[in-house]
């Protein structure tokens, strides 16, 4: 169950990272509120997941999910580069996340 909670925490991390773009420097109220709420939920879920998972593994997986998801959303929503080298680097992050999950299972 802790892995599922950690995955959800990573999704909320993606939400607040992308949400920062929509806040326009925290000048737009609703995007700012949703972004702050996503931050709180993400950190709360991370803390819950860390009850059973090692801190290093949980943090690395959480940031990895957030980083990979945010880059993918940046490509999809904002037309950011999808260059091969960039996607290859994302693949390495995903491999690391999977590796950590397998080692800790």
Protein backbone atom coordinates (compact mmCIF):
# COMPACT_ATOMS: atom_id res chain seq x y z
CA UNK A 1 0.00 0.00 0.00
CA UNK A 2 2.89 2.36 0.73
CA UNK A 3 4.05 2.12 -2.91
CA UNK A 4 0.60 3.19 -4.12
CA UNK A 5 0.60 6.10 -1.69
CA UNK A 6 4.08 7.07 -2.88
CA UNK A 7 2.92 6.93 -6.51
CA UNK A 8 -0.01 9.24 -5.68
CA UNK A 9 2.39 11.57 -3.89
CA UNK A 10 4.46 11.69 -7.09
CA UNK A 11 1.37 12.54 -9.14
CA UNK A 12 0.58 15.42 -6.82
CA UNK A 13 4.19 16.56 -7.12
CA UNK A 14 3.69 16.72 -10.88
CA UNK A 15 0.52 18.70 -10.22
CA UNK A 16 2.21 21.36 -8.17
CA UNK A 17 5.24 21.58 -10.43
CA UNK A 18 3.07 22.20 -13.48
CA UNK A 19 0.72 24.32 -11.38
CA UNK A 20 3.56 26.75 -10.70
CA UNK A 21 3.53 27.62 -14.40
CA UNK A 22 -0.17 28.52 -14.22
CA UNK A 23 0.19 30.70 -11.10
CA UNK A 24 2.04 33.35 -13.12
CA UNK A 25 4.41 34.04 -10.26
CA UNK A 26 1.66 33.51 -7.66
CA UNK A 27 -0.36 36.39 -9.09
CA UNK A 28 -3.39 34.25 -10.05
CA UNK A 29 -5.48 33.19 -7.06
CA UNK A 30 -7.11 29.90 -8.14
CA UNK A 31 -4.02 28.34 -9.74
CA UNK A 32 -2.03 29.39 -6.68
CA UNK A 33 -4.53 27.77 -4.31
CA UNK A 34 -4.59 24.53 -6.33
CA UNK A 35 -0.79 24.51 -6.48
CA UNK A 36 -0.40 25.01 -2.73
CA UNK A 37 -3.02 22.32 -2.07
CA UNK A 38 -1.14 19.93 -4.36
CA UNK A 39 2.08 20.69 -2.47
CA UNK A 40 0.46 19.90 0.86
CA UNK A 41 -1.14 16.68 -0.36
CA UNK A 42 2.07 15.56 -2.05
CA UNK A 43 4.17 16.07 1.06
CA UNK A 44 1.55 14.50 3.33
CA UNK A 45 1.36 11.38 1.15
CA UNK A 46 5.16 11.21 0.97
CA UNK A 47 5.31 11.31 4.75
CA UNK A 48 2.74 8.53 5.04
CA UNK A 49 4.63 6.37 2.53
CA UNK A 50 7.85 6.88 4.49
CA UNK A 51 6.32 5.09 7.47
CA UNK A 52 7.11 1.81 5.71
CA UNK A 53 9.62 2.72 2.98
CA UNK A 54 13.24 3.77 3.47
CA UNK A 55 13.63 7.54 3.32
CA UNK A 56 16.20 7.50 0.51
CA UNK A 57 14.15 5.20 -1.69
CA UNK A 58 10.88 7.01 -1.06
CA UNK A 59 12.39 10.42 -1.74
CA UNK A 60 14.21 9.29 -4.89
CA UNK A 61 11.09 7.62 -6.31
CA UNK A 62 8.91 10.63 -5.39
CA UNK A 63 11.22 13.10 -7.10
CA UNK A 64 11.70 10.75 -10.05
CA UNK A 65 7.96 10.41 -10.64
CA UNK A 66 7.60 14.17 -10.33
CA UNK A 67 10.50 14.90 -12.66
CA UNK A 68 9.52 12.45 -15.38
CA UNK A 69 5.85 13.38 -15.22
CA UNK A 70 6.57 17.09 -15.24
CA UNK A 71 8.80 16.79 -18.30
CA UNK A 72 6.14 14.75 -20.10
CA UNK A 73 3.48 17.31 -19.19
CA UNK A 74 5.79 20.11 -20.30
CA UNK A 75 6.08 18.45 -23.69
CA UNK A 76 2.33 17.83 -23.95
CA UNK A 77 1.04 21.11 -22.53
CA UNK A 78 3.70 23.67 -23.36
CA UNK A 79 5.37 22.31 -26.49
CA UNK A 80 8.71 21.77 -24.78
CA UNK A 81 11.42 19.83 -26.57
CA UNK A 82 11.01 16.09 -27.06
CA UNK A 83 14.53 15.62 -28.38
CA UNK A 84 15.91 12.09 -28.34
CA UNK A 85 18.62 12.91 -25.78
CA UNK A 86 16.02 14.38 -23.43
CA UNK A 87 13.80 11.32 -23.72
CA UNK A 88 16.80 9.04 -23.22
CA UNK A 89 17.60 10.83 -19.96
CA UNK A 90 13.99 10.38 -18.85
CA UNK A 91 14.34 6.68 -19.60
CA UNK A 92 17.35 6.53 -17.30
CA UNK A 93 15.33 8.13 -14.51
CA UNK A 94 12.52 5.62 -15.06
CA UNK A 95 15.06 2.77 -14.97
CA UNK A 96 16.34 4.09 -11.66
CA UNK A 97 12.83 4.30 -10.21
CA UNK A 98 12.08 0.74 -11.29
CA UNK A 99 15.42 -0.43 -9.95
CA UNK A 100 14.81 1.11 -6.56
CA UNK A 101 11.36 -0.47 -6.46
CA UNK A 102 12.75 -3.89 -7.25
CA UNK A 103 15.53 -3.63 -4.69
CA UNK A 104 13.12 -2.56 -1.93
CA UNK A 105 10.34 -5.08 -2.74
